[in-house]
Every structure is written in C-alpha cells, then in structure tokens.
Amino acid sequence: MQKQPSSYEIIGQPYLLPPTFPVDWIGNHVQNDADITYLHYHNCLEIGYCHEGSGVFFVEDKILPYSKGDVSIIFPGQLHLAQSVKSQVSRWDFCFLDPNALLGTAHPRSWNAPAPAGFANIISPGDAPDITLMTEYLMKELSQQLSGYESAVKGCLWTLMTLITRIIDQMADDTPVVGAADRNSMNTISKSLEYISQHYMEPIHIHELAAVCSLSVTHFRRTFRVCMGMAPLDYLHNVRMQMASALLSHTDSSILSISQEVGYATISSFNRHFKHWTGIAPSKWRAIKKQGKQPMKP
C-alpha cells in the first residue's frame, strides 16, 4: 500500500463485500467543507460520481479539483478524502467493489495492484465523456436495483474497467516523469503541503513553508521541486487557481470576492495568475462554464 505523509491521521475503512456480488453502494453522500485533518483508505476500488457541487479531492500528495459530473477513481489502499468549497456542500454517489472477484481473471488487468504513478484520480466529462456517462449509468442501476440489476451492473463495470485500463495503458506508453520523488523526500515536505491546503487563502511566504518542515529555505526549495515538479509558490498559486475555478464555475460570487477568498490581495494579481494558469480571463472562464463547455488549459 502506498503511504501518506505522517502529518495526517490515517484511518482504515474496510468494506466486507458479499462474495456472490462483491459490490457496495452509498447514494447521496453529502460532502461538507471541513478542513482536511485525516485521510482514509479502503480495501477495495472506489468509484464516485459527483451529482452536485465542487471542491477538491486530496489523494496521497495530490490536490485535485472536482465539480459536477466528475468521476473519482480511488485504488485499493490509496489514501484520500474530499472537501467541498467553503460554505458549500457537494453530493456524491460511491460504488465500492472488488473488480477481480466480480469480473474474474478474464479481465486484462489486476485491480489489487497499487495505483499507477501519475494516474489522474479525477476524470471530467471533457476528458473522458464515455467514462462519466458509464459511471452515471452505473450509479442509476445501483440506486434503482430493478430486476436483473446485478447483470447490468456487472456489464457496466466490465466496460468501465476496460475504459480506465485504456487510460492506464496510454500512460505507460508516454514518457515517464523525470525525477520522481522517493517517499522519504515526500515525507520531508509533507507538512508544507498540509499547511498550504489549510492556509492557501492567506499570505504565505517561502520561509514559512520551510520552517514548518524544519528545513533551510534553500534545502526546502530544492526538495519541493524534486517532489512536486514545481517551485513551492507555483504550487500555492496552482492550489488557489483550482479553488478559484471551482468557485467561478459553481457559485455566483463576484470575481473580486473570489479573488479575495482564494488569497489574492488585488484583483489585478488574481486576473494575471488566472490567465497564466488557464490562458483566459476569469470572466471568460465563467462564461464558458455556464454554457456547459469545457475550458481548455494550455
């Protein structure tokens, strides 16, 4: 099992799945905006579908934004937890399953293996519409449980697992990420990731992040870049932009209010960073999202 930085409490939540039909389902789960203080893991694969709201998923050392229509794929043993945007809730359906037991050895992938490095645990309709549509259908079958639903669910999951396997196979064909961090290095900077996740809306300076890790600024900056592939303050801006994009898409708050909520002292600074991150202005991002389209980041 992959391990998470020790600064978070770790909670195991195993599922005892029925041997004849190893699938469980939780419908209409309401996710609040409470700060992340712990991460949990399961002994099975977790598939989620976001019906409403937006926020971020903490998966191992990643912070991934989500919004309505997105699908979450969490592997067995993978540490994770979700958080809605401040002052809001989001609504999810979750399916827990043992694909190996359900689909048998005929399926081309073993799902007890650790999550592939670099796998995007949040899949949006714009990235893979077939996966989001299939997941929505899966949750509908599990919710209604009409006659023969077990067969429908099994067929749906076979297709869904195949689509996810294609993504994993494509990742394997791509050039691997250079300089991937070892777990000891990640543990070294873990407290700075936790600090950013809880204080991104406040002014944060490099010496503060180095201090919470008990490192010199030079050592911290070098280790952080090796682990995360970017400078610490670039990572801070990335987290702020993820939260801002969710707020722009799913609230009616003014752009000025959103800029302040995610930590920018002036709207000009917010606009500059947002355009650098997305390639378009915040107002245009919001307009595109309201039209149901998928803005493309450069």
Protein backbone atom coordinates (compact mmCIF):
# COMPACT_ATOMS: atom_id res chain seq x y z
CA MET A 1 0.00 0.00 0.00
CA GLN A 2 1.22 3.50 -0.78
CA LYS A 3 1.87 5.55 2.31
CA GLN A 4 0.86 9.10 3.08
CA PRO A 5 2.92 11.74 4.88
CA SER A 6 2.70 11.17 8.60
CA SER A 7 1.27 14.63 9.35
CA TYR A 8 -2.25 13.36 8.61
CA GLU A 9 -4.10 10.86 10.75
CA ILE A 10 -4.66 7.65 8.77
CA ILE A 11 -7.97 5.80 9.11
CA GLY A 12 -8.72 2.43 7.53
CA GLN A 13 -12.29 1.88 6.35
CA PRO A 14 -12.55 -1.72 5.06
CA TYR A 15 -15.65 -2.98 3.27
CA LEU A 16 -16.92 -6.53 3.72
CA LEU A 17 -18.27 -7.12 0.23
CA PRO A 18 -20.68 -10.02 -0.38
CA PRO A 19 -18.80 -12.88 -2.08
CA THR A 20 -21.62 -13.55 -4.57
CA PHE A 21 -21.84 -9.94 -5.72
CA PRO A 22 -18.81 -8.01 -4.35
CA VAL A 23 -20.26 -4.52 -4.83
CA ASP A 24 -21.46 -1.95 -2.29
CA TRP A 25 -23.05 1.44 -2.90
CA ILE A 26 -23.55 4.68 -0.98
CA GLY A 27 -26.00 7.13 -2.55
CA ASN A 28 -26.49 10.84 -1.98
CA HIS A 29 -23.42 11.26 0.20
CA VAL A 30 -23.16 14.90 1.29
CA GLN A 31 -19.57 16.19 1.43
CA ASN A 32 -19.02 19.27 3.59
CA ASP A 33 -16.29 21.92 3.61
CA ALA A 34 -14.47 20.79 6.77
CA ASP A 35 -10.68 21.15 6.74
CA ILE A 36 -8.72 18.02 5.88
CA THR A 37 -7.19 16.62 9.08
CA TYR A 38 -7.07 12.92 8.16
CA LEU A 39 -7.05 10.62 5.16
CA HIS A 40 -8.68 7.22 4.86
CA TYR A 41 -8.26 4.17 2.66
CA HIS A 42 -10.29 1.13 1.64
CA ASN A 43 -9.53 -2.48 0.82
CA CYS A 44 -11.36 -2.20 -2.49
CA LEU A 45 -11.75 0.01 -5.54
CA GLU A 46 -13.85 3.16 -5.04
CA ILE A 47 -15.69 4.85 -7.91
CA GLY A 48 -17.50 8.12 -7.24
CA TYR A 49 -19.83 10.32 -9.27
CA CYS A 50 -20.36 13.98 -8.35
CA HIS A 51 -24.02 14.98 -8.81
CA GLU A 52 -23.74 18.47 -7.39
CA GLY A 53 -21.22 21.00 -6.07
CA SER A 54 -17.46 21.34 -6.34
CA GLY A 55 -14.31 21.20 -4.26
CA VAL A 56 -11.03 19.31 -4.10
CA PHE A 57 -10.01 15.70 -3.58
CA PHE A 58 -6.88 15.04 -1.56
CA VAL A 59 -5.35 11.82 -2.95
CA GLU A 60 -1.99 10.89 -1.42
CA ASP A 61 0.13 14.01 -2.04
CA LYS A 62 -2.13 15.44 -4.77
CA ILE A 63 -4.83 18.11 -4.52
CA LEU A 64 -7.32 17.62 -7.37
CA PRO A 65 -10.31 19.88 -8.11
CA TYR A 66 -13.70 18.34 -8.84
CA SER A 67 -17.07 19.63 -9.97
CA LYS A 68 -20.48 18.36 -11.05
CA GLY A 69 -20.26 15.46 -13.49
CA ASP A 70 -16.74 14.41 -12.49
CA VAL A 71 -15.78 10.82 -11.66
CA SER A 72 -13.33 9.80 -8.93
CA ILE A 73 -11.31 6.59 -9.22
CA ILE A 74 -9.55 5.60 -5.97
CA PHE A 75 -7.47 2.42 -5.93
CA PRO A 76 -7.33 -0.05 -3.02
CA GLY A 77 -5.09 1.26 -0.26
CA GLN A 78 -4.88 4.75 -1.77
CA LEU A 79 -5.24 7.46 0.87
CA HIS A 80 -7.80 10.14 0.10
CA LEU A 81 -10.54 12.49 1.27
CA ALA A 82 -12.75 15.13 -0.35
CA GLN A 83 -13.51 18.71 0.67
CA SER A 84 -16.19 20.99 -0.78
CA VAL A 85 -15.54 24.64 -1.49
CA LYS A 86 -16.03 26.86 1.54
CA SER A 87 -19.61 27.46 2.71
CA GLN A 88 -20.95 24.81 0.31
CA VAL A 89 -21.63 21.09 0.15
CA SER A 90 -21.35 18.63 -2.71
CA ARG A 91 -23.35 15.45 -3.33
CA TRP A 92 -21.84 12.15 -4.45
CA ASP A 93 -22.71 8.54 -5.18
CA PHE A 94 -19.99 5.99 -4.41
CA CYS A 95 -19.54 2.41 -5.57
CA PHE A 96 -17.14 0.09 -3.74
CA LEU A 97 -16.13 -3.15 -5.43
CA ASP A 98 -13.61 -5.91 -5.89
CA PRO A 99 -13.18 -5.98 -9.69
CA ASN A 100 -11.05 -9.14 -9.61
CA ALA A 101 -13.72 -11.10 -7.75
CA LEU A 102 -16.60 -9.61 -9.77
CA LEU A 103 -15.11 -9.87 -13.26
CA GLY A 104 -12.77 -12.84 -12.79
CA THR A 105 -9.40 -13.44 -14.38
CA ALA A 106 -10.75 -12.85 -17.88
CA HIS A 107 -10.41 -9.10 -17.44
CA PRO A 108 -7.00 -7.93 -18.67
CA ARG A 109 -5.96 -6.01 -15.51
CA SER A 110 -5.46 -6.91 -11.86
CA TRP A 111 -7.04 -4.24 -9.65
CA ASN A 112 -5.28 -5.16 -6.43
CA ALA A 113 -2.06 -3.51 -7.60
CA PRO A 114 -1.13 0.00 -6.37
CA ALA A 115 -2.39 2.98 -8.31
CA PRO A 116 -0.23 3.73 -11.36
CA ALA A 117 2.13 6.65 -10.82
CA GLY A 118 0.67 9.83 -12.28
CA PHE A 119 -2.86 8.46 -12.66
CA ALA A 120 -5.46 11.26 -12.66
CA ASN A 121 -7.91 10.16 -9.96
CA ILE A 122 -10.50 12.75 -11.06
CA ILE A 123 -11.91 12.33 -14.57
CA SER A 124 -14.05 15.09 -16.06
CA PRO A 125 -16.64 14.84 -18.85
CA GLY A 126 -14.41 16.91 -21.10
CA ASP A 127 -11.52 14.47 -20.67
CA ALA A 128 -13.41 11.18 -20.98
CA PRO A 129 -17.16 11.56 -21.65
CA ASP A 130 -17.60 7.80 -22.09
CA ILE A 131 -16.33 7.16 -18.57
CA THR A 132 -18.54 9.79 -16.97
CA LEU A 133 -21.64 8.59 -18.84
CA MET A 134 -20.96 4.96 -17.95
CA THR A 135 -20.41 5.89 -14.30
CA GLU A 136 -23.67 7.85 -14.21
CA TYR A 137 -25.48 4.80 -15.62
CA LEU A 138 -23.77 2.55 -13.08
CA MET A 139 -24.99 4.69 -10.18
CA LYS A 140 -28.51 4.72 -11.59
CA GLU A 141 -28.60 0.90 -11.75
CA LEU A 142 -27.28 0.62 -8.19
CA SER A 143 -29.81 3.17 -6.96
CA GLN A 144 -32.91 1.67 -8.60
CA GLN A 145 -31.98 -2.03 -8.27
CA LEU A 146 -34.55 -3.12 -10.83
CA SER A 147 -34.93 -6.73 -11.93
CA GLY A 148 -31.62 -8.08 -13.21
CA TYR A 149 -29.64 -5.09 -11.99
CA GLU A 150 -26.71 -7.29 -10.89
CA SER A 151 -26.13 -8.36 -14.50
CA ALA A 152 -26.47 -4.76 -15.70
CA VAL A 153 -24.00 -3.56 -13.06
CA LYS A 154 -21.52 -6.29 -13.93
CA GLY A 155 -21.68 -5.45 -17.65
CA CYS A 156 -21.37 -1.75 -16.91
CA LEU A 157 -18.35 -2.29 -14.67
CA TRP A 158 -16.68 -4.51 -17.26
CA THR A 159 -16.92 -1.66 -19.77
CA LEU A 160 -15.88 0.95 -17.22
CA MET A 161 -12.83 -1.03 -16.09
CA THR A 162 -11.82 -1.50 -19.72
CA LEU A 163 -12.04 2.24 -20.40
CA ILE A 164 -9.94 3.01 -17.32
CA THR A 165 -7.41 0.34 -18.36
CA ARG A 166 -7.01 2.14 -21.69
CA ILE A 167 -6.06 5.32 -19.85
CA ILE A 168 -3.52 3.40 -17.75
CA ASP A 169 -2.06 1.70 -20.82
CA GLN A 170 -1.75 5.05 -22.56
CA MET A 171 0.10 6.43 -19.55
CA ALA A 172 2.53 3.51 -19.72
CA ASP A 173 3.29 4.39 -23.35
CA ASP A 174 4.05 8.02 -22.50
CA THR A 175 7.43 9.25 -21.38
CA PRO A 176 7.79 8.68 -17.64
CA VAL A 177 8.07 11.69 -15.36
CA VAL A 178 11.69 12.61 -14.73
CA GLY A 179 12.90 12.96 -11.17
CA ALA A 180 10.02 11.25 -9.39
CA ALA A 181 10.42 11.74 -5.66
CA ASP A 182 11.08 8.92 -3.25
CA ARG A 183 8.81 8.57 -0.25
CA ASN A 184 11.40 9.91 2.22
CA SER A 185 11.65 13.17 0.31
CA MET A 186 7.88 13.43 0.18
CA ASN A 187 7.68 12.91 3.92
CA THR A 188 10.18 15.75 4.33
CA ILE A 189 7.90 18.30 2.66
CA SER A 190 4.54 16.82 3.68
CA LYS A 191 3.86 19.41 6.37
CA SER A 192 4.19 22.20 3.81
CA LEU A 193 1.51 20.54 1.64
CA GLU A 194 -0.77 20.30 4.65
CA TYR A 195 -0.05 23.93 5.57
CA ILE A 196 -0.86 25.13 2.04
CA SER A 197 -4.11 23.14 1.93
CA GLN A 198 -5.30 24.80 5.14
CA HIS A 199 -3.93 28.33 4.60
CA TYR A 200 -3.94 28.89 0.82
CA MET A 201 -6.38 31.79 1.31
CA GLU A 202 -3.82 33.65 3.45
CA PRO A 203 -0.48 35.28 2.54
CA ILE A 204 2.18 32.55 2.57
CA HIS A 205 5.93 33.08 2.17
CA ILE A 206 8.66 30.60 1.30
CA HIS A 207 10.37 30.92 4.69
CA GLU A 208 7.11 29.93 6.44
CA LEU A 209 6.84 26.74 4.39
CA ALA A 210 10.50 25.90 5.00
CA ALA A 211 10.03 26.49 8.73
CA VAL A 212 7.07 24.09 9.10
CA CYS A 213 9.29 21.41 7.52
CA SER A 214 12.29 22.34 9.73
CA LEU A 215 14.41 22.94 6.65
CA SER A 216 16.51 25.80 5.35
CA VAL A 217 14.89 27.77 2.55
CA THR A 218 17.46 26.50 0.05
CA HIS A 219 17.04 22.84 1.04
CA PHE A 220 13.27 23.13 1.17
CA ARG A 221 13.02 24.79 -2.24
CA ARG A 222 15.23 22.14 -3.85
CA THR A 223 13.44 19.18 -2.23
CA PHE A 224 10.00 20.58 -3.01
CA ARG A 225 10.80 21.00 -6.68
CA VAL A 226 12.10 17.42 -6.92
CA CYS A 227 8.96 16.07 -5.25
CA MET A 228 6.28 18.20 -6.88
CA GLY A 229 7.85 19.20 -10.18
CA MET A 230 7.40 22.91 -9.49
CA ALA A 231 8.51 25.65 -7.11
CA PRO A 232 6.65 25.94 -3.76
CA LEU A 233 4.98 29.26 -4.58
CA ASP A 234 3.96 27.98 -8.01
CA TYR A 235 2.26 25.08 -6.22
CA LEU A 236 0.50 27.56 -3.92
CA HIS A 237 -0.81 29.50 -6.92
CA ASN A 238 -1.89 26.22 -8.53
CA VAL A 239 -3.99 25.30 -5.48
CA ARG A 240 -5.52 28.78 -5.42
CA MET A 241 -6.37 28.56 -9.12
CA GLN A 242 -8.01 25.16 -8.66
CA MET A 243 -10.24 26.54 -5.93
CA ALA A 244 -10.95 29.71 -7.88
CA SER A 245 -12.01 27.77 -10.98
CA ALA A 246 -14.44 25.73 -8.87
CA LEU A 247 -15.91 28.88 -7.31
CA LEU A 248 -16.24 30.59 -10.68
CA SER A 249 -18.00 27.55 -12.13
CA HIS A 250 -20.40 26.78 -9.32
CA THR A 251 -21.13 29.99 -7.41
CA ASP A 252 -22.48 33.42 -8.28
CA SER A 253 -19.88 35.21 -6.16
CA SER A 254 -18.23 38.19 -7.81
CA ILE A 255 -14.77 37.77 -9.28
CA LEU A 256 -13.46 40.28 -6.73
CA SER A 257 -14.93 38.25 -3.88
CA ILE A 258 -13.49 35.01 -5.26
CA SER A 259 -10.06 36.57 -5.71
CA GLN A 260 -10.04 37.57 -2.05
CA GLU A 261 -11.42 34.22 -0.90
CA VAL A 262 -8.56 32.29 -2.51
CA GLY A 263 -5.85 34.58 -1.20
CA TYR A 264 -5.14 37.46 -3.60
CA ALA A 265 -4.81 40.97 -2.22
CA THR A 266 -5.71 42.64 -5.53
CA ILE A 267 -7.96 41.59 -8.38
CA SER A 268 -5.25 42.51 -10.88
CA SER A 269 -2.91 39.94 -9.33
CA PHE A 270 -5.67 37.33 -9.39
CA ASN A 271 -6.51 38.06 -13.03
CA ARG A 272 -2.86 37.82 -14.03
CA HIS A 273 -2.31 34.46 -12.33
CA PHE A 274 -5.62 33.05 -13.57
CA LYS A 275 -4.90 33.96 -17.17
CA HIS A 276 -1.42 32.49 -16.88
CA TRP A 277 -2.89 29.25 -15.47
CA THR A 278 -5.82 28.86 -17.91
CA GLY A 279 -4.93 31.04 -20.87
CA ILE A 280 -8.15 33.05 -20.49
CA ALA A 281 -9.58 35.67 -18.15
CA PRO A 282 -11.73 34.62 -15.15
CA SER A 283 -14.85 36.22 -16.64
CA LYS A 284 -14.43 34.27 -19.87
CA TRP A 285 -13.82 31.03 -17.93
CA ARG A 286 -17.07 31.55 -16.06
CA ALA A 287 -18.99 32.34 -19.25
CA ILE A 288 -17.72 29.20 -20.97
CA LYS A 289 -18.56 27.00 -17.98
CA LYS A 290 -22.06 28.49 -17.74
CA GLN A 291 -22.60 27.47 -21.37
CA GLY A 292 -21.72 23.87 -20.43
CA LYS A 293 -18.48 23.81 -22.36
CA GLN A 294 -15.06 22.66 -21.16
CA PRO A 295 -12.37 25.36 -20.97
CA MET A 296 -9.03 24.09 -22.17
CA LYS A 297 -5.84 24.83 -20.26
CA PRO A 298 -2.73 25.37 -22.40
